[in-house]
Full PDB file with SEQRES, HELIX, SHEET, SSBOND, CRYST1, ORIGX, SCALE, CONECT and MASTER records, all heavy atoms in Angstrom:
SEQRES   1 A   34  ALA ILE LYS VAL LEU ALA VAL ASP MET ASP SER THR LEU          
SEQRES   2 A   34  ILE ASN ILE GLU CYS ILE ASP GLU ILE ALA ASP PHE THR          
SEQRES   3 A   34  GLY LYS LYS ALA ALA VAL SER GLU                              
HELIX    1 AA1 MET A    9  LEU A   13  3                                   5    
HELIX    2 AA2 CYS A   18  THR A   26  1                                   9    
HELIX    3 AA3 LYS A   29  SER A   33  1                                   5    
CRYST1    1.000    1.000    1.000  90.00  90.00  90.00 P 1           1          
ORIGX1      1.000000  0.000000  0.000000        0.00000                         
ORIGX2      0.000000  1.000000  0.000000        0.00000                         
ORIGX3      0.000000  0.000000  1.000000        0.00000                         
SCALE1      1.000000  0.000000  0.000000        0.00000                         
SCALE2      0.000000  1.000000  0.000000        0.00000                         
SCALE3      0.000000  0.000000  1.000000        0.00000                         
ATOM      1  N   ALA A   1      -8.142  -0.075 -28.919  1.00  0.00           N  
ATOM      2  CA  ALA A   1      -7.311   1.236 -29.055  1.00  0.00           C  
ATOM      3  C   ALA A   1      -6.483   1.314 -27.809  1.00  0.00           C  
ATOM      4  O   ALA A   1      -5.618   2.226 -27.668  1.00  0.00           O  
ATOM      5  CB  ALA A   1      -8.147   2.380 -29.242  1.00  0.00           C  
ATOM      6  N   ILE A   2      -6.644   0.512 -26.680  1.00  0.00           N  
ATOM      7  CA  ILE A   2      -5.902   0.662 -25.418  1.00  0.00           C  
ATOM      8  C   ILE A   2      -4.456   0.261 -25.675  1.00  0.00           C  
ATOM      9  O   ILE A   2      -4.194  -0.859 -26.253  1.00  0.00           O  
ATOM     10  CB  ILE A   2      -6.516  -0.211 -24.345  1.00  0.00           C  
ATOM     11  CG1 ILE A   2      -7.942   0.291 -23.935  1.00  0.00           C  
ATOM     12  CG2 ILE A   2      -5.654  -0.265 -23.140  1.00  0.00           C  
ATOM     13  CD1 ILE A   2      -7.974   1.699 -23.428  1.00  0.00           C  
ATOM     14  N   LYS A   3      -3.570   1.160 -25.454  1.00  0.00           N  
ATOM     15  CA  LYS A   3      -2.061   0.846 -25.616  1.00  0.00           C  
ATOM     16  C   LYS A   3      -1.298   0.882 -24.389  1.00  0.00           C  
ATOM     17  O   LYS A   3      -0.176   0.478 -24.346  1.00  0.00           O  
ATOM     18  CB  LYS A   3      -1.557   2.014 -26.548  1.00  0.00           C  
ATOM     19  CG  LYS A   3      -2.361   2.095 -27.968  1.00  0.00           C  
ATOM     20  CD  LYS A   3      -2.140   0.812 -28.735  1.00  0.00           C  
ATOM     21  CE  LYS A   3      -2.834   0.923 -30.056  1.00  0.00           C  
ATOM     22  NZ  LYS A   3      -2.834  -0.399 -30.848  1.00  0.00           N  
ATOM     23  N   VAL A   4      -1.800   1.447 -23.276  1.00  0.00           N  
ATOM     24  CA  VAL A   4      -1.081   1.624 -22.063  1.00  0.00           C  
ATOM     25  C   VAL A   4      -1.993   1.061 -20.913  1.00  0.00           C  
ATOM     26  O   VAL A   4      -3.118   1.293 -20.800  1.00  0.00           O  
ATOM     27  CB  VAL A   4      -0.846   3.093 -21.789  1.00  0.00           C  
ATOM     28  CG1 VAL A   4      -0.142   3.299 -20.382  1.00  0.00           C  
ATOM     29  CG2 VAL A   4       0.045   3.633 -22.855  1.00  0.00           C  
ATOM     30  N   LEU A   5      -1.291   0.298 -19.989  1.00  0.00           N  
ATOM     31  CA  LEU A   5      -1.901  -0.119 -18.727  1.00  0.00           C  
ATOM     32  C   LEU A   5      -1.130   0.506 -17.609  1.00  0.00           C  
ATOM     33  O   LEU A   5       0.018   0.276 -17.413  1.00  0.00           O  
ATOM     34  CB  LEU A   5      -1.889  -1.663 -18.619  1.00  0.00           C  
ATOM     35  CG  LEU A   5      -2.295  -2.207 -17.257  1.00  0.00           C  
ATOM     36  CD1 LEU A   5      -3.732  -1.928 -16.877  1.00  0.00           C  
ATOM     37  CD2 LEU A   5      -1.978  -3.722 -17.169  1.00  0.00           C  
ATOM     38  N   ALA A   6      -1.794   1.265 -16.793  1.00  0.00           N  
ATOM     39  CA  ALA A   6      -1.219   1.942 -15.661  1.00  0.00           C  
ATOM     40  C   ALA A   6      -1.956   1.491 -14.337  1.00  0.00           C  
ATOM     41  O   ALA A   6      -3.197   1.582 -14.323  1.00  0.00           O  
ATOM     42  CB  ALA A   6      -1.360   3.496 -15.778  1.00  0.00           C  
ATOM     43  N   VAL A   7      -1.165   0.997 -13.390  1.00  0.00           N  
ATOM     44  CA  VAL A   7      -1.765   0.319 -12.283  1.00  0.00           C  
ATOM     45  C   VAL A   7      -1.045   0.964 -10.954  1.00  0.00           C  
ATOM     46  O   VAL A   7       0.203   1.140 -10.888  1.00  0.00           O  
ATOM     47  CB  VAL A   7      -1.525  -1.188 -12.131  1.00  0.00           C  
ATOM     48  CG1 VAL A   7      -2.224  -1.859 -11.040  1.00  0.00           C  
ATOM     49  CG2 VAL A   7      -1.912  -1.841 -13.513  1.00  0.00           C  
ATOM     50  N   ASP A   8      -1.981   1.270  -9.962  1.00  0.00           N  
ATOM     51  CA  ASP A   8      -1.471   1.644  -8.654  1.00  0.00           C  
ATOM     52  C   ASP A   8      -0.906   0.419  -7.941  1.00  0.00           C  
ATOM     53  O   ASP A   8      -1.234  -0.749  -8.262  1.00  0.00           O  
ATOM     54  CB  ASP A   8      -2.621   2.245  -7.877  1.00  0.00           C  
ATOM     55  CG  ASP A   8      -2.371   2.383  -6.412  1.00  0.00           C  
ATOM     56  OD1 ASP A   8      -1.372   3.047  -6.092  1.00  0.00           O  
ATOM     57  OD2 ASP A   8      -3.154   1.850  -5.564  1.00  0.00           O  
ATOM     58  N   MET A   9      -0.112   0.523  -6.969  1.00  0.00           N  
ATOM     59  CA  MET A   9       0.543  -0.595  -6.273  1.00  0.00           C  
ATOM     60  C   MET A   9      -0.308  -0.978  -4.961  1.00  0.00           C  
ATOM     61  O   MET A   9      -0.981  -1.968  -4.953  1.00  0.00           O  
ATOM     62  CB  MET A   9       1.984  -0.342  -5.909  1.00  0.00           C  
ATOM     63  CG  MET A   9       2.549  -1.563  -5.178  1.00  0.00           C  
ATOM     64  SD  MET A   9       4.400  -1.320  -4.778  1.00  0.00           S  
ATOM     65  CE  MET A   9       4.363  -0.059  -3.593  1.00  0.00           C  
ATOM     66  N   ASP A  10      -0.175  -0.170  -3.947  1.00  0.00           N  
ATOM     67  CA  ASP A  10      -0.744  -0.537  -2.607  1.00  0.00           C  
ATOM     68  C   ASP A  10      -2.144  -0.702  -2.715  1.00  0.00           C  
ATOM     69  O   ASP A  10      -2.929   0.196  -3.052  1.00  0.00           O  
ATOM     70  CB  ASP A  10      -0.373   0.488  -1.610  1.00  0.00           C  
ATOM     71  CG  ASP A  10       1.168   0.601  -1.360  1.00  0.00           C  
ATOM     72  OD1 ASP A  10       1.689  -0.229  -0.635  1.00  0.00           O  
ATOM     73  OD2 ASP A  10       1.860   1.420  -1.961  1.00  0.00           O  
ATOM     74  N   SER A  11      -2.728  -1.958  -2.225  1.00  0.00           N  
ATOM     75  CA  SER A  11      -4.139  -2.250  -2.243  1.00  0.00           C  
ATOM     76  C   SER A  11      -4.773  -2.392  -3.520  1.00  0.00           C  
ATOM     77  O   SER A  11      -5.954  -2.652  -3.557  1.00  0.00           O  
ATOM     78  CB  SER A  11      -4.906  -1.207  -1.254  1.00  0.00           C  
ATOM     79  OG  SER A  11      -4.339  -1.364   0.083  1.00  0.00           O  
ATOM     80  N   THR A  12      -4.093  -2.196  -4.651  1.00  0.00           N  
ATOM     81  CA  THR A  12      -4.599  -2.396  -5.970  1.00  0.00           C  
ATOM     82  C   THR A  12      -3.943  -3.563  -6.619  1.00  0.00           C  
ATOM     83  O   THR A  12      -4.370  -4.721  -6.738  1.00  0.00           O  
ATOM     84  CB  THR A  12      -4.381  -1.163  -6.824  1.00  0.00           C  
ATOM     85  OG1 THR A  12      -5.088  -0.011  -6.281  1.00  0.00           O  
ATOM     86  CG2 THR A  12      -5.056  -1.455  -8.244  1.00  0.00           C  
ATOM     87  N   LEU A  13      -2.589  -3.441  -6.899  1.00  0.00           N  
ATOM     88  CA  LEU A  13      -1.771  -4.554  -7.438  1.00  0.00           C  
ATOM     89  C   LEU A  13      -1.423  -5.524  -6.363  1.00  0.00           C  
ATOM     90  O   LEU A  13      -1.392  -6.732  -6.611  1.00  0.00           O  
ATOM     91  CB  LEU A  13      -0.517  -3.962  -8.122  1.00  0.00           C  
ATOM     92  CG  LEU A  13       0.361  -5.130  -8.685  1.00  0.00           C  
ATOM     93  CD1 LEU A  13      -0.205  -5.647 -10.010  1.00  0.00           C  
ATOM     94  CD2 LEU A  13       1.781  -4.546  -8.855  1.00  0.00           C  
ATOM     95  N   ILE A  14      -1.220  -5.069  -5.142  1.00  0.00           N  
ATOM     96  CA  ILE A  14      -0.876  -5.953  -4.088  1.00  0.00           C  
ATOM     97  C   ILE A  14      -1.848  -5.853  -2.899  1.00  0.00           C  
ATOM     98  O   ILE A  14      -2.680  -4.939  -2.856  1.00  0.00           O  
ATOM     99  CB  ILE A  14       0.603  -5.698  -3.490  1.00  0.00           C  
ATOM    100  CG1 ILE A  14       0.727  -4.183  -2.998  1.00  0.00           C  
ATOM    101  CG2 ILE A  14       1.595  -5.829  -4.675  1.00  0.00           C  
ATOM    102  CD1 ILE A  14       2.005  -3.825  -2.307  1.00  0.00           C  
ATOM    103  N   ASN A  15      -1.676  -6.815  -1.951  1.00  0.00           N  
ATOM    104  CA  ASN A  15      -2.657  -6.963  -0.843  1.00  0.00           C  
ATOM    105  C   ASN A  15      -2.536  -6.079   0.361  1.00  0.00           C  
ATOM    106  O   ASN A  15      -3.276  -6.019   1.259  1.00  0.00           O  
ATOM    107  CB  ASN A  15      -2.649  -8.368  -0.427  1.00  0.00           C  
ATOM    108  CG  ASN A  15      -1.313  -8.824   0.187  1.00  0.00           C  
ATOM    109  OD1 ASN A  15      -0.208  -8.340  -0.207  1.00  0.00           O  
ATOM    110  ND2 ASN A  15      -1.291  -9.642   1.196  1.00  0.00           N  
ATOM    111  N   ILE A  16      -1.442  -5.260   0.414  1.00  0.00           N  
ATOM    112  CA  ILE A  16      -1.208  -4.421   1.528  1.00  0.00           C  
ATOM    113  C   ILE A  16      -0.864  -3.004   1.189  1.00  0.00           C  
ATOM    114  O   ILE A  16      -0.722  -2.677   0.090  1.00  0.00           O  
ATOM    115  CB  ILE A  16       0.079  -5.025   2.359  1.00  0.00           C  
ATOM    116  CG1 ILE A  16       1.272  -5.058   1.431  1.00  0.00           C  
ATOM    117  CG2 ILE A  16      -0.236  -6.449   2.869  1.00  0.00           C  
ATOM    118  CD1 ILE A  16       2.681  -5.344   2.190  1.00  0.00           C  
ATOM    119  N   GLU A  17      -0.891  -2.186   2.175  1.00  0.00           N  
ATOM    120  CA  GLU A  17      -0.354  -0.788   2.206  1.00  0.00           C  
ATOM    121  C   GLU A  17       0.992  -0.938   2.841  1.00  0.00           C  
ATOM    122  O   GLU A  17       1.178  -1.128   4.038  1.00  0.00           O  
ATOM    123  CB  GLU A  17      -1.181   0.160   3.010  1.00  0.00           C  
ATOM    124  CG  GLU A  17      -2.609   0.443   2.410  1.00  0.00           C  
ATOM    125  CD  GLU A  17      -2.480   1.374   1.088  1.00  0.00           C  
ATOM    126  OE1 GLU A  17      -1.592   2.187   1.097  1.00  0.00           O  
ATOM    127  OE2 GLU A  17      -3.466   1.396   0.353  1.00  0.00           O  
ATOM    128  N   CYS A  18       2.059  -0.926   2.034  1.00  0.00           N  
ATOM    129  CA  CYS A  18       3.394  -1.108   2.526  1.00  0.00           C  
ATOM    130  C   CYS A  18       3.847  -0.277   3.627  1.00  0.00           C  
ATOM    131  O   CYS A  18       4.499  -0.669   4.641  1.00  0.00           O  
ATOM    132  CB  CYS A  18       4.402  -0.920   1.320  1.00  0.00           C  
ATOM    133  SG  CYS A  18       4.292  -2.245   0.072  1.00  0.00           S  
ATOM    134  N   ILE A  19       3.418   1.066   3.554  1.00  0.00           N  
ATOM    135  CA  ILE A  19       3.878   1.903   4.635  1.00  0.00           C  
ATOM    136  C   ILE A  19       3.228   1.591   6.053  1.00  0.00           C  
ATOM    137  O   ILE A  19       3.798   1.587   7.059  1.00  0.00           O  
ATOM    138  CB  ILE A  19       3.448   3.428   4.324  1.00  0.00           C  
ATOM    139  CG1 ILE A  19       4.196   4.342   5.313  1.00  0.00           C  
ATOM    140  CG2 ILE A  19       1.992   3.677   4.320  1.00  0.00           C  
ATOM    141  CD1 ILE A  19       4.198   5.759   4.869  1.00  0.00           C  
ATOM    142  N   ASP A  20       1.972   1.000   5.996  1.00  0.00           N  
ATOM    143  CA  ASP A  20       1.287   0.565   7.179  1.00  0.00           C  
ATOM    144  C   ASP A  20       2.003  -0.723   7.785  1.00  0.00           C  
ATOM    145  O   ASP A  20       2.187  -0.818   9.026  1.00  0.00           O  
ATOM    146  CB  ASP A  20      -0.150   0.190   6.974  1.00  0.00           C  
ATOM    147  CG  ASP A  20      -0.970   1.391   6.590  1.00  0.00           C  
ATOM    148  OD1 ASP A  20      -0.416   2.499   6.580  1.00  0.00           O  
ATOM    149  OD2 ASP A  20      -2.200   1.158   6.260  1.00  0.00           O  
ATOM    150  N   GLU A  21       2.567  -1.577   6.883  1.00  0.00           N  
ATOM    151  CA  GLU A  21       3.250  -2.774   7.388  1.00  0.00           C  
ATOM    152  C   GLU A  21       4.613  -2.412   7.939  1.00  0.00           C  
ATOM    153  O   GLU A  21       5.052  -3.039   8.924  1.00  0.00           O  
ATOM    154  CB  GLU A  21       3.362  -3.786   6.209  1.00  0.00           C  
ATOM    155  CG  GLU A  21       2.074  -4.203   5.663  1.00  0.00           C  
ATOM    156  CD  GLU A  21       1.193  -4.771   6.697  1.00  0.00           C  
ATOM    157  OE1 GLU A  21       1.560  -5.566   7.601  1.00  0.00           O  
ATOM    158  OE2 GLU A  21      -0.121  -4.405   6.684  1.00  0.00           O  
ATOM    159  N   ILE A  22       5.261  -1.498   7.311  1.00  0.00           N  
ATOM    160  CA  ILE A  22       6.615  -0.985   7.896  1.00  0.00           C  
ATOM    161  C   ILE A  22       6.281  -0.415   9.320  1.00  0.00           C  
ATOM    162  O   ILE A  22       7.060  -0.731  10.271  1.00  0.00           O  
ATOM    163  CB  ILE A  22       7.173   0.059   7.041  1.00  0.00           C  
ATOM    164  CG1 ILE A  22       7.539  -0.439   5.639  1.00  0.00           C  
ATOM    165  CG2 ILE A  22       8.515   0.616   7.693  1.00  0.00           C  
ATOM    166  CD1 ILE A  22       7.935   0.616   4.621  1.00  0.00           C  
ATOM    167  N   ALA A  23       5.218   0.350   9.400  1.00  0.00           N  
ATOM    168  CA  ALA A  23       5.006   0.972  10.698  1.00  0.00           C  
ATOM    169  C   ALA A  23       4.590  -0.072  11.782  1.00  0.00           C  
ATOM    170  O   ALA A  23       4.781   0.083  12.944  1.00  0.00           O  
ATOM    171  CB  ALA A  23       3.714   1.908  10.632  1.00  0.00           C  
ATOM    172  N   ASP A  24       4.102  -1.241  11.294  1.00  0.00           N  
ATOM    173  CA  ASP A  24       3.688  -2.359  12.290  1.00  0.00           C  
ATOM    174  C   ASP A  24       4.879  -2.826  13.028  1.00  0.00           C  
ATOM    175  O   ASP A  24       4.859  -3.198  14.166  1.00  0.00           O  
ATOM    176  CB  ASP A  24       3.062  -3.408  11.447  1.00  0.00           C  
ATOM    177  CG  ASP A  24       2.364  -4.447  12.377  1.00  0.00           C  
ATOM    178  OD1 ASP A  24       1.845  -4.054  13.458  1.00  0.00           O  
ATOM    179  OD2 ASP A  24       2.278  -5.675  11.980  1.00  0.00           O  
ATOM    180  N   PHE A  25       6.056  -2.721  12.391  1.00  0.00           N  
ATOM    181  CA  PHE A  25       7.307  -3.203  13.039  1.00  0.00           C  
ATOM    182  C   PHE A  25       7.788  -2.211  14.172  1.00  0.00           C  
ATOM    183  O   PHE A  25       8.608  -2.528  14.934  1.00  0.00           O  
ATOM    184  CB  PHE A  25       8.439  -3.412  11.987  1.00  0.00           C  
ATOM    185  CG  PHE A  25       8.360  -4.674  11.337  1.00  0.00           C  
ATOM    186  CD1 PHE A  25       7.454  -4.844  10.179  1.00  0.00           C  
ATOM    187  CD2 PHE A  25       9.159  -5.887  11.739  1.00  0.00           C  
ATOM    188  CE1 PHE A  25       7.344  -6.072   9.472  1.00  0.00           C  
ATOM    189  CE2 PHE A  25       9.025  -7.013  11.013  1.00  0.00           C  
ATOM    190  CZ  PHE A  25       8.174  -7.168   9.969  1.00  0.00           C  
ATOM    191  N   THR A  26       7.318  -1.023  14.132  1.00  0.00           N  
ATOM    192  CA  THR A  26       7.658   0.052  15.042  1.00  0.00           C  
ATOM    193  C   THR A  26       6.622   0.228  16.188  1.00  0.00           C  
ATOM    194  O   THR A  26       6.770   0.984  17.053  1.00  0.00           O  
ATOM    195  CB  THR A  26       7.823   1.329  14.392  1.00  0.00           C  
ATOM    196  OG1 THR A  26       6.592   1.889  13.930  1.00  0.00           O  
ATOM    197  CG2 THR A  26       8.758   1.299  13.240  1.00  0.00           C  
ATOM    198  N   GLY A  27       5.531  -0.535  16.001  1.00  0.00           N  
ATOM    199  CA  GLY A  27       4.343  -0.288  16.965  1.00  0.00           C  
ATOM    200  C   GLY A  27       3.551   0.923  16.648  1.00  0.00           C  
ATOM    201  O   GLY A  27       2.765   1.368  17.437  1.00  0.00           O  
ATOM    202  N   LYS A  28       3.715   1.487  15.509  1.00  0.00           N  
ATOM    203  CA  LYS A  28       3.104   2.745  15.083  1.00  0.00           C  
ATOM    204  C   LYS A  28       2.019   2.519  14.002  1.00  0.00           C  
ATOM    205  O   LYS A  28       1.543   3.455  13.310  1.00  0.00           O  
ATOM    206  CB  LYS A  28       4.032   3.773  14.704  1.00  0.00           C  
ATOM    207  CG  LYS A  28       4.990   4.226  15.855  1.00  0.00           C  
ATOM    208  CD  LYS A  28       5.961   5.273  15.376  1.00  0.00           C  
ATOM    209  CE  LYS A  28       6.885   5.657  16.548  1.00  0.00           C  
ATOM    210  NZ  LYS A  28       7.948   6.560  16.069  1.00  0.00           N  
ATOM    211  N   LYS A  29       1.592   1.270  13.727  1.00  0.00           N  
ATOM    212  CA  LYS A  29       0.731   0.938  12.698  1.00  0.00           C  
ATOM    213  C   LYS A  29      -0.556   1.748  12.656  1.00  0.00           C  
ATOM    214  O   LYS A  29      -1.117   2.247  11.769  1.00  0.00           O  
ATOM    215  CB  LYS A  29       0.443  -0.577  12.478  1.00  0.00           C  
ATOM    216  CG  LYS A  29      -0.462  -0.892  11.245  1.00  0.00           C  
ATOM    217  CD  LYS A  29      -0.473  -2.394  11.059  1.00  0.00           C  
ATOM    218  CE  LYS A  29      -1.185  -2.618   9.808  1.00  0.00           C  
ATOM    219  NZ  LYS A  29      -1.365  -4.149   9.464  1.00  0.00           N  
ATOM    220  N   ALA A  30      -1.187   1.776  13.993  1.00  0.00           N  
ATOM    221  CA  ALA A  30      -2.521   2.411  14.113  1.00  0.00           C  
ATOM    222  C   ALA A  30      -2.416   3.902  13.743  1.00  0.00           C  
ATOM    223  O   ALA A  30      -3.224   4.357  13.003  1.00  0.00           O  
ATOM    224  CB  ALA A  30      -2.991   2.338  15.585  1.00  0.00           C  
ATOM    225  N   ALA A  31      -1.308   4.595  14.159  1.00  0.00           N  
ATOM    226  CA  ALA A  31      -1.186   5.978  13.839  1.00  0.00           C  
ATOM    227  C   ALA A  31      -0.944   6.302  12.390  1.00  0.00           C  
ATOM    228  O   ALA A  31      -1.571   7.118  11.801  1.00  0.00           O  
ATOM    229  CB  ALA A  31       0.025   6.570  14.604  1.00  0.00           C  
ATOM    230  N   VAL A  32      -0.138   5.419  11.762  1.00  0.00           N  
ATOM    231  CA  VAL A  32       0.132   5.606  10.275  1.00  0.00           C  
ATOM    232  C   VAL A  32      -1.137   5.198   9.524  1.00  0.00           C  
ATOM    233  O   VAL A  32      -1.492   5.844   8.544  1.00  0.00           O  
ATOM    234  CB  VAL A  32       1.353   4.681   9.962  1.00  0.00           C  
ATOM    235  CG1 VAL A  32       1.420   4.696   8.329  1.00  0.00           C  
ATOM    236  CG2 VAL A  32       2.626   5.270  10.441  1.00  0.00           C  
ATOM    237  N   SER A  33      -1.785   4.068   9.833  1.00  0.00           N  
ATOM    238  CA  SER A  33      -2.978   3.529   9.136  1.00  0.00           C  
ATOM    239  C   SER A  33      -4.063   4.597   9.143  1.00  0.00           C  
ATOM    240  O   SER A  33      -4.782   4.808   8.190  1.00  0.00           O  
ATOM    241  CB  SER A  33      -3.480   2.243   9.640  1.00  0.00           C  
ATOM    242  OG  SER A  33      -2.526   1.219   9.595  1.00  0.00           O  
ATOM    243  N   GLU A  34      -4.225   5.339  10.294  1.00  0.00           N  
ATOM    244  CA  GLU A  34      -5.192   6.317  10.405  1.00  0.00           C  
ATOM    245  C   GLU A  34      -4.984   7.437   9.377  1.00  0.00           C  
ATOM    246  O   GLU A  34      -6.015   7.916   8.661  1.00  0.00           O  
ATOM    247  CB  GLU A  34      -5.184   6.921  11.873  1.00  0.00           C  
ATOM    248  CG  GLU A  34      -6.323   7.935  12.076  1.00  0.00           C  
ATOM    249  CD  GLU A  34      -6.323   8.405  13.583  1.00  0.00           C  
ATOM    250  OE1 GLU A  34      -5.800   7.710  14.448  1.00  0.00           O  
ATOM    251  OE2 GLU A  34      -6.812   9.495  13.737  1.00  0.00           O  
TER     252      GLU A  34                                                      
MASTER        0    0    0    3    0    0    0    6  251    1    0    3          
END                                                                             
């Protein structure tokens, strides 16, 4: 009966949290990741 598949992106479909990786380029990854 399943007709719809809904998937989250960050850390589910893909291997990273995109916002944390963007922050890594600014040197603020630790603050954002927290």
